[in-house]
Amino acid sequence: MNEINDTPTVIADLARTTWRKSTRSQTSNCVEVAPLPATVALRDSKDRGGPVLLFDRSEWRNFLAAAKEGQLDRT
């Protein structure tokens, strides 16, 4: 994760964004994701007012690629 320097803009973006949860989610133990103009936000679906992790778009693409390739599977 990178430091996000434009905090007021990010806070405003978070207030207007639409959060998404996986359609495969069948429990409350999930995360929600929200695309923002310059970043991607991630939060715990059980604590919607809690902390939010911000990733720049290249970091998010790398994470998704690694997950799809099974690099993050627990063995």
PDB file of N, CA and C in Angstrom:
ATOM      1  N   MET A   1       0.837  -1.174   0.000  1.00  0.00           N
ATOM      2  CA  MET A   1       0.000   0.000   0.000  1.00  0.00           C
ATOM      3  C   MET A   1       0.878   1.231   0.000  1.00  0.00           C
ATOM      4  N   ASN A   2       0.421   2.223  -0.662  1.00  0.00           N
ATOM      5  CA  ASN A   2       1.132   3.487  -0.688  1.00  0.00           C
ATOM      6  C   ASN A   2       0.411   4.498   0.173  1.00  0.00           C
ATOM      7  N   GLU A   3       1.158   5.475   0.635  1.00  0.00           N
ATOM      8  CA  GLU A   3       0.555   6.562   1.389  1.00  0.00           C
ATOM      9  C   GLU A   3      -0.275   7.406   0.431  1.00  0.00           C
ATOM     10  N   ILE A   4      -1.473   7.723   0.836  1.00  0.00           N
ATOM     11  CA  ILE A   4      -2.345   8.562   0.024  1.00  0.00           C
ATOM     12  C   ILE A   4      -2.288   9.966   0.603  1.00  0.00           C
ATOM     13  N   ASN A   5      -1.776  10.913  -0.163  1.00  0.00           N
ATOM     14  CA  ASN A   5      -1.528  12.255   0.355  1.00  0.00           C
ATOM     15  C   ASN A   5      -2.733  13.176   0.297  1.00  0.00           C
ATOM     16  N   ASP A   6      -3.670  12.946  -0.592  1.00  0.00           N
ATOM     17  CA  ASP A   6      -4.801  13.853  -0.760  1.00  0.00           C
ATOM     18  C   ASP A   6      -5.988  13.367   0.063  1.00  0.00           C
ATOM     19  N   THR A   7      -5.842  13.313   1.373  1.00  0.00           N
ATOM     20  CA  THR A   7      -6.827  12.713   2.267  1.00  0.00           C
ATOM     21  C   THR A   7      -8.224  13.316   2.145  1.00  0.00           C
ATOM     22  N   PRO A   8      -8.415  14.644   2.116  1.00  0.00           N
ATOM     23  CA  PRO A   8      -9.788  15.166   2.002  1.00  0.00           C
ATOM     24  C   PRO A   8     -10.503  14.680   0.741  1.00  0.00           C
ATOM     25  N   THR A   9      -9.794  14.587  -0.364  1.00  0.00           N
ATOM     26  CA  THR A   9     -10.403  14.106  -1.602  1.00  0.00           C
ATOM     27  C   THR A   9     -10.785  12.642  -1.472  1.00  0.00           C
ATOM     28  N   VAL A  10      -9.908  11.834  -0.882  1.00  0.00           N
ATOM     29  CA  VAL A  10     -10.193  10.411  -0.708  1.00  0.00           C
ATOM     30  C   VAL A  10     -11.397  10.230   0.207  1.00  0.00           C
ATOM     31  N   ILE A  11     -11.470  10.977   1.287  1.00  0.00           N
ATOM     32  CA  ILE A  11     -12.610  10.875   2.209  1.00  0.00           C
ATOM     33  C   ILE A  11     -13.903  11.227   1.482  1.00  0.00           C
ATOM     34  N   ALA A  12     -13.879  12.262   0.674  1.00  0.00           N
ATOM     35  CA  ALA A  12     -15.070  12.642  -0.098  1.00  0.00           C
ATOM     36  C   ALA A  12     -15.439  11.543  -1.093  1.00  0.00           C
ATOM     37  N   ASP A  13     -14.443  10.962  -1.745  1.00  0.00           N
ATOM     38  CA  ASP A  13     -14.699   9.869  -2.689  1.00  0.00           C
ATOM     39  C   ASP A  13     -15.319   8.672  -1.977  1.00  0.00           C
ATOM     40  N   LEU A  14     -14.827   8.345  -0.786  1.00  0.00           N
ATOM     41  CA  LEU A  14     -15.361   7.214  -0.028  1.00  0.00           C
ATOM     42  C   LEU A  14     -16.812   7.447   0.366  1.00  0.00           C
ATOM     43  N   ALA A  15     -17.169   8.679   0.666  1.00  0.00           N
ATOM     44  CA  ALA A  15     -18.541   8.997   1.061  1.00  0.00           C
ATOM     45  C   ALA A  15     -19.523   8.817  -0.099  1.00  0.00           C
ATOM     46  N   ARG A  16     -19.039   8.964  -1.330  1.00  0.00           N
ATOM     47  CA  ARG A  16     -19.920   8.875  -2.510  1.00  0.00           C
ATOM     48  C   ARG A  16     -19.860   7.534  -3.219  1.00  0.00           C
ATOM     49  N   THR A  17     -18.950   6.677  -2.849  1.00  0.00           N
ATOM     50  CA  THR A  17     -18.715   5.467  -3.620  1.00  0.00           C
ATOM     51  C   THR A  17     -19.743   4.374  -3.347  1.00  0.00           C
ATOM     52  N   THR A  18     -19.815   3.440  -4.257  1.00  0.00           N
ATOM     53  CA  THR A  18     -20.632   2.243  -4.092  1.00  0.00           C
ATOM     54  C   THR A  18     -19.700   1.077  -3.789  1.00  0.00           C
ATOM     55  N   TRP A  19     -19.916   0.445  -2.655  1.00  0.00           N
ATOM     56  CA  TRP A  19     -19.099  -0.699  -2.249  1.00  0.00           C
ATOM     57  C   TRP A  19     -19.700  -1.974  -2.823  1.00  0.00           C
ATOM     58  N   ARG A  20     -18.818  -2.920  -3.186  1.00  0.00           N
ATOM     59  CA  ARG A  20     -19.272  -4.201  -3.744  1.00  0.00           C
ATOM     60  C   ARG A  20     -18.704  -5.345  -2.922  1.00  0.00           C
ATOM     61  N   LYS A  21     -19.519  -6.381  -2.776  1.00  0.00           N
ATOM     62  CA  LYS A  21     -19.092  -7.613  -2.119  1.00  0.00           C
ATOM     63  C   LYS A  21     -19.270  -8.734  -3.126  1.00  0.00           C
ATOM     64  N   SER A  22     -18.430  -9.733  -3.061  1.00  0.00           N
ATOM     65  CA  SER A  22     -18.494 -10.841  -4.002  1.00  0.00           C
ATOM     66  C   SER A  22     -19.867 -11.512  -3.979  1.00  0.00           C
ATOM     67  N   THR A  23     -20.365 -11.869  -5.147  1.00  0.00           N
ATOM     68  CA  THR A  23     -21.625 -12.603  -5.215  1.00  0.00           C
ATOM     69  C   THR A  23     -21.463 -14.022  -4.679  1.00  0.00           C
ATOM     70  N   ARG A  24     -20.236 -14.487  -4.571  1.00  0.00           N
ATOM     71  CA  ARG A  24     -19.977 -15.820  -4.015  1.00  0.00           C
ATOM     72  C   ARG A  24     -19.970 -15.815  -2.489  1.00  0.00           C
ATOM     73  N   SER A  25     -20.017 -14.659  -1.915  1.00  0.00           N
ATOM     74  CA  SER A  25     -20.009 -14.536  -0.466  1.00  0.00           C
ATOM     75  C   SER A  25     -21.310 -15.094   0.099  1.00  0.00           C
ATOM     76  N   GLN A  26     -21.184 -16.048   1.014  1.00  0.00           N
ATOM     77  CA  GLN A  26     -22.369 -16.639   1.621  1.00  0.00           C
ATOM     78  C   GLN A  26     -22.375 -16.444   3.129  1.00  0.00           C
ATOM     79  N   THR A  27     -21.388 -15.758   3.657  1.00  0.00           N
ATOM     80  CA  THR A  27     -21.331 -15.482   5.084  1.00  0.00           C
ATOM     81  C   THR A  27     -21.067 -13.996   5.271  1.00  0.00           C
ATOM     82  N   SER A  28     -20.995 -13.590   6.507  1.00  0.00           N
ATOM     83  CA  SER A  28     -20.704 -12.181   6.772  1.00  0.00           C
ATOM     84  C   SER A  28     -19.207 -11.920   6.878  1.00  0.00           C
ATOM     85  N   ASN A  29     -18.393 -12.932   6.682  1.00  0.00           N
ATOM     86  CA  ASN A  29     -16.939 -12.778   6.788  1.00  0.00           C
ATOM     87  C   ASN A  29     -16.353 -12.394   5.442  1.00  0.00           C
ATOM     88  N   CYS A  30     -16.626 -11.196   5.009  1.00  0.00           N
ATOM     89  CA  CYS A  30     -16.205 -10.774   3.676  1.00  0.00           C
ATOM     90  C   CYS A  30     -15.575  -9.392   3.716  1.00  0.00           C
ATOM     91  N   VAL A  31     -14.982  -9.072   2.614  1.00  0.00           N
ATOM     92  CA  VAL A  31     -14.494  -7.716   2.411  1.00  0.00           C
ATOM     93  C   VAL A  31     -15.316  -7.099   1.298  1.00  0.00           C
ATOM     94  N   GLU A  32     -15.332  -5.776   1.277  1.00  0.00           N
ATOM     95  CA  GLU A  32     -15.995  -5.038   0.222  1.00  0.00           C
ATOM     96  C   GLU A  32     -14.953  -4.185  -0.473  1.00  0.00           C
ATOM     97  N   VAL A  33     -15.133  -3.985  -1.757  1.00  0.00           N
ATOM     98  CA  VAL A  33     -14.190  -3.218  -2.557  1.00  0.00           C
ATOM     99  C   VAL A  33     -14.924  -2.063  -3.230  1.00  0.00           C
ATOM    100  N   ALA A  34     -14.213  -0.952  -3.371  1.00  0.00           N
ATOM    101  CA  ALA A  34     -14.783   0.212  -4.037  1.00  0.00           C
ATOM    102  C   ALA A  34     -13.719   0.859  -4.911  1.00  0.00           C
ATOM    103  N   PRO A  35     -13.980   0.954  -6.206  1.00  0.00           N
ATOM    104  CA  PRO A  35     -13.042   1.660  -7.072  1.00  0.00           C
ATOM    105  C   PRO A  35     -13.195   3.167  -6.891  1.00  0.00           C
ATOM    106  N   LEU A  36     -12.096   3.829  -6.667  1.00  0.00           N
ATOM    107  CA  LEU A  36     -12.064   5.286  -6.553  1.00  0.00           C
ATOM    108  C   LEU A  36     -11.290   5.826  -7.752  1.00  0.00           C
ATOM    109  N   PRO A  37     -11.301   7.131  -7.979  1.00  0.00           N
ATOM    110  CA  PRO A  37     -10.612   7.667  -9.155  1.00  0.00           C
ATOM    111  C   PRO A  37      -9.144   7.261  -9.278  1.00  0.00           C
ATOM    112  N   ALA A  38      -8.382   7.311  -8.205  1.00  0.00           N
ATOM    113  CA  ALA A  38      -6.950   7.012  -8.298  1.00  0.00           C
ATOM    114  C   ALA A  38      -6.552   5.759  -7.546  1.00  0.00           C
ATOM    115  N   THR A  39      -7.458   5.198  -6.760  1.00  0.00           N
ATOM    116  CA  THR A  39      -7.114   4.061  -5.904  1.00  0.00           C
ATOM    117  C   THR A  39      -8.263   3.063  -5.879  1.00  0.00           C
ATOM    118  N   VAL A  40      -8.034   1.977  -5.160  1.00  0.00           N
ATOM    119  CA  VAL A  40      -9.067   0.990  -4.877  1.00  0.00           C
ATOM    120  C   VAL A  40      -9.127   0.856  -3.363  1.00  0.00           C
ATOM    121  N   ALA A  41     -10.338   0.934  -2.809  1.00  0.00           N
ATOM    122  CA  ALA A  41     -10.527   0.867  -1.362  1.00  0.00           C
ATOM    123  C   ALA A  41     -11.054  -0.509  -0.972  1.00  0.00           C
ATOM    124  N   LEU A  42     -10.657  -0.977   0.202  1.00  0.00           N
ATOM    125  CA  LEU A  42     -11.051  -2.278   0.713  1.00  0.00           C
ATOM    126  C   LEU A  42     -11.442  -2.117   2.173  1.00  0.00           C
ATOM    127  N   ARG A  43     -12.554  -2.736   2.582  1.00  0.00           N
ATOM    128  CA  ARG A  43     -12.976  -2.668   3.982  1.00  0.00           C
ATOM    129  C   ARG A  43     -13.631  -3.972   4.397  1.00  0.00           C
ATOM    130  N   ASP A  44     -13.761  -4.155   5.696  1.00  0.00           N
ATOM    131  CA  ASP A  44     -14.420  -5.320   6.279  1.00  0.00           C
ATOM    132  C   ASP A  44     -15.921  -5.096   6.203  1.00  0.00           C
ATOM    133  N   SER A  45     -16.651  -6.041   5.645  1.00  0.00           N
ATOM    134  CA  SER A  45     -18.095  -5.871   5.499  1.00  0.00           C
ATOM    135  C   SER A  45     -18.822  -5.871   6.842  1.00  0.00           C
ATOM    136  N   LYS A  46     -18.202  -6.413   7.870  1.00  0.00           N
ATOM    137  CA  LYS A  46     -18.818  -6.422   9.201  1.00  0.00           C
ATOM    138  C   LYS A  46     -18.568  -5.125   9.958  1.00  0.00           C
ATOM    139  N   ASP A  47     -17.630  -4.307   9.491  1.00  0.00           N
ATOM    140  CA  ASP A  47     -17.270  -3.066  10.180  1.00  0.00           C
ATOM    141  C   ASP A  47     -17.193  -1.940   9.159  1.00  0.00           C
ATOM    142  N   ARG A  48     -18.308  -1.595   8.602  1.00  0.00           N
ATOM    143  CA  ARG A  48     -18.339  -0.623   7.500  1.00  0.00           C
ATOM    144  C   ARG A  48     -17.874   0.768   7.898  1.00  0.00           C
ATOM    145  N   GLY A  49     -17.895   1.079   9.170  1.00  0.00           N
ATOM    146  CA  GLY A  49     -17.394   2.369   9.628  1.00  0.00           C
ATOM    147  C   GLY A  49     -15.959   2.303  10.091  1.00  0.00           C
ATOM    148  N   GLY A  50     -15.354   1.124   9.964  1.00  0.00           N
ATOM    149  CA  GLY A  50     -13.991   0.918  10.436  1.00  0.00           C
ATOM    150  C   GLY A  50     -12.948   1.340   9.420  1.00  0.00           C
ATOM    151  N   PRO A  51     -11.733   0.842   9.611  1.00  0.00           N
ATOM    152  CA  PRO A  51     -10.628   1.251   8.737  1.00  0.00           C
ATOM    153  C   PRO A  51     -10.831   0.816   7.289  1.00  0.00           C
ATOM    154  N   VAL A  52     -10.225   1.585   6.404  1.00  0.00           N
ATOM    155  CA  VAL A  52     -10.261   1.311   4.968  1.00  0.00           C
ATOM    156  C   VAL A  52      -8.820   1.227   4.477  1.00  0.00           C
ATOM    157  N   LEU A  53      -8.514   0.183   3.734  1.00  0.00           N
ATOM    158  CA  LEU A  53      -7.196   0.056   3.116  1.00  0.00           C
ATOM    159  C   LEU A  53      -7.281   0.614   1.704  1.00  0.00           C
ATOM    160  N   LEU A  54      -6.280   1.372   1.303  1.00  0.00           N
ATOM    161  CA  LEU A  54      -6.235   1.955  -0.031  1.00  0.00           C
ATOM    162  C   LEU A  54      -5.045   1.395  -0.799  1.00  0.00           C
ATOM    163  N   PHE A  55      -5.303   0.985  -2.025  1.00  0.00           N
ATOM    164  CA  PHE A  55      -4.266   0.433  -2.894  1.00  0.00           C
ATOM    165  C   PHE A  55      -4.266   1.226  -4.191  1.00  0.00           C
ATOM    166  N   ASP A  56      -3.066   1.483  -4.732  1.00  0.00           N
ATOM    167  CA  ASP A  56      -3.086   2.108  -6.052  1.00  0.00           C
ATOM    168  C   ASP A  56      -3.488   1.025  -7.050  1.00  0.00           C
ATOM    169  N   ARG A  57      -3.916   1.457  -8.208  1.00  0.00           N
ATOM    170  CA  ARG A  57      -4.505   0.512  -9.165  1.00  0.00           C
ATOM    171  C   ARG A  57      -3.530  -0.571  -9.624  1.00  0.00           C
ATOM    172  N   SER A  58      -2.265  -0.261  -9.771  1.00  0.00           N
ATOM    173  CA  SER A  58      -1.305  -1.291 -10.190  1.00  0.00           C
ATOM    174  C   SER A  58      -1.127  -2.342  -9.091  1.00  0.00           C
ATOM    175  N   GLU A  59      -1.112  -1.913  -7.836  1.00  0.00           N
ATOM    176  CA  GLU A  59      -1.032  -2.885  -6.731  1.00  0.00           C
ATOM    177  C   GLU A  59      -2.262  -3.788  -6.731  1.00  0.00           C
ATOM    178  N   TRP A  60      -3.425  -3.223  -6.963  1.00  0.00           N
ATOM    179  CA  TRP A  60      -4.658  -4.002  -6.965  1.00  0.00           C
ATOM    180  C   TRP A  60      -4.664  -5.014  -8.112  1.00  0.00           C
ATOM    181  N   ARG A  61      -4.227  -4.584  -9.302  1.00  0.00           N
ATOM    182  CA  ARG A  61      -4.144  -5.510 -10.442  1.00  0.00           C
ATOM    183  C   ARG A  61      -3.181  -6.646 -10.142  1.00  0.00           C
ATOM    184  N   ASN A  62      -2.037  -6.342  -9.512  1.00  0.00           N
ATOM    185  CA  ASN A  62      -1.071  -7.384  -9.162  1.00  0.00           C
ATOM    186  C   ASN A  62      -1.657  -8.362  -8.156  1.00  0.00           C
ATOM    187  N   PHE A  63      -2.397  -7.845  -7.170  1.00  0.00           N
ATOM    188  CA  PHE A  63      -3.036  -8.714  -6.187  1.00  0.00           C
ATOM    189  C   PHE A  63      -4.038  -9.650  -6.863  1.00  0.00           C
ATOM    190  N   LEU A  64      -4.896  -9.103  -7.721  1.00  0.00           N
ATOM    191  CA  LEU A  64      -5.889  -9.931  -8.403  1.00  0.00           C
ATOM    192  C   LEU A  64      -5.236 -10.985  -9.284  1.00  0.00           C
ATOM    193  N   ALA A  65      -4.185 -10.612  -9.992  1.00  0.00           N
ATOM    194  CA  ALA A  65      -3.483 -11.576 -10.848  1.00  0.00           C
ATOM    195  C   ALA A  65      -2.886 -12.702 -10.009  1.00  0.00           C
ATOM    196  N   ALA A  66      -2.265 -12.363  -8.882  1.00  0.00           N
ATOM    197  CA  ALA A  66      -1.672 -13.377  -8.004  1.00  0.00           C
ATOM    198  C   ALA A  66      -2.750 -14.301  -7.442  1.00  0.00           C
ATOM    199  N   ALA A  67      -3.891 -13.753  -7.082  1.00  0.00           N
ATOM    200  CA  ALA A  67      -4.977 -14.579  -6.553  1.00  0.00           C
ATOM    201  C   ALA A  67      -5.522 -15.532  -7.626  1.00  0.00           C
ATOM    202  N   LYS A  68      -5.697 -15.024  -8.833  1.00  0.00           N
ATOM    203  CA  LYS A  68      -6.192 -15.855  -9.927  1.00  0.00           C
ATOM    204  C   LYS A  68      -5.217 -16.974 -10.285  1.00  0.00           C
ATOM    205  N   GLU A  69      -3.942 -16.721 -10.140  1.00  0.00           N
ATOM    206  CA  GLU A  69      -2.925 -17.714 -10.477  1.00  0.00           C
ATOM    207  C   GLU A  69      -2.683 -18.694  -9.328  1.00  0.00           C
ATOM    208  N   GLY A  70      -3.353 -18.502  -8.198  1.00  0.00           N
ATOM    209  CA  GLY A  70      -3.203 -19.415  -7.071  1.00  0.00           C
ATOM    210  C   GLY A  70      -1.995 -19.129  -6.202  1.00  0.00           C
ATOM    211  N   GLN A  71      -1.336 -18.016  -6.424  1.00  0.00           N
ATOM    212  CA  GLN A  71      -0.133 -17.693  -5.652  1.00  0.00           C
ATOM    213  C   GLN A  71      -0.439 -17.390  -4.190  1.00  0.00           C
ATOM    214  N   LEU A  72      -1.692 -17.103  -3.882  1.00  0.00           N
ATOM    215  CA  LEU A  72      -2.059 -16.740  -2.508  1.00  0.00           C
ATOM    216  C   LEU A  72      -2.793 -17.880  -1.795  1.00  0.00           C
ATOM    217  N   ASP A  73      -2.919 -19.024  -2.460  1.00  0.00           N
ATOM    218  CA  ASP A  73      -3.603 -20.165  -1.842  1.00  0.00           C
ATOM    219  C   ASP A  73      -2.840 -20.654  -0.618  1.00  0.00           C
ATOM    220  N   ARG A  74      -3.569 -20.996   0.401  1.00  0.00           N
ATOM    221  CA  ARG A  74      -2.953 -21.554   1.606  1.00  0.00           C
ATOM    222  C   ARG A  74      -2.811 -23.048   1.411  1.00  0.00           C
ATOM    223  N   THR A  75      -1.670 -23.574   1.788  1.00  0.00           N
ATOM    224  CA  THR A  75      -1.463 -25.025   1.647  1.00  0.00           C
ATOM    225  C   THR A  75      -1.196 -25.642   2.986  1.00  0.00           C
TER     226      THR A  75
END
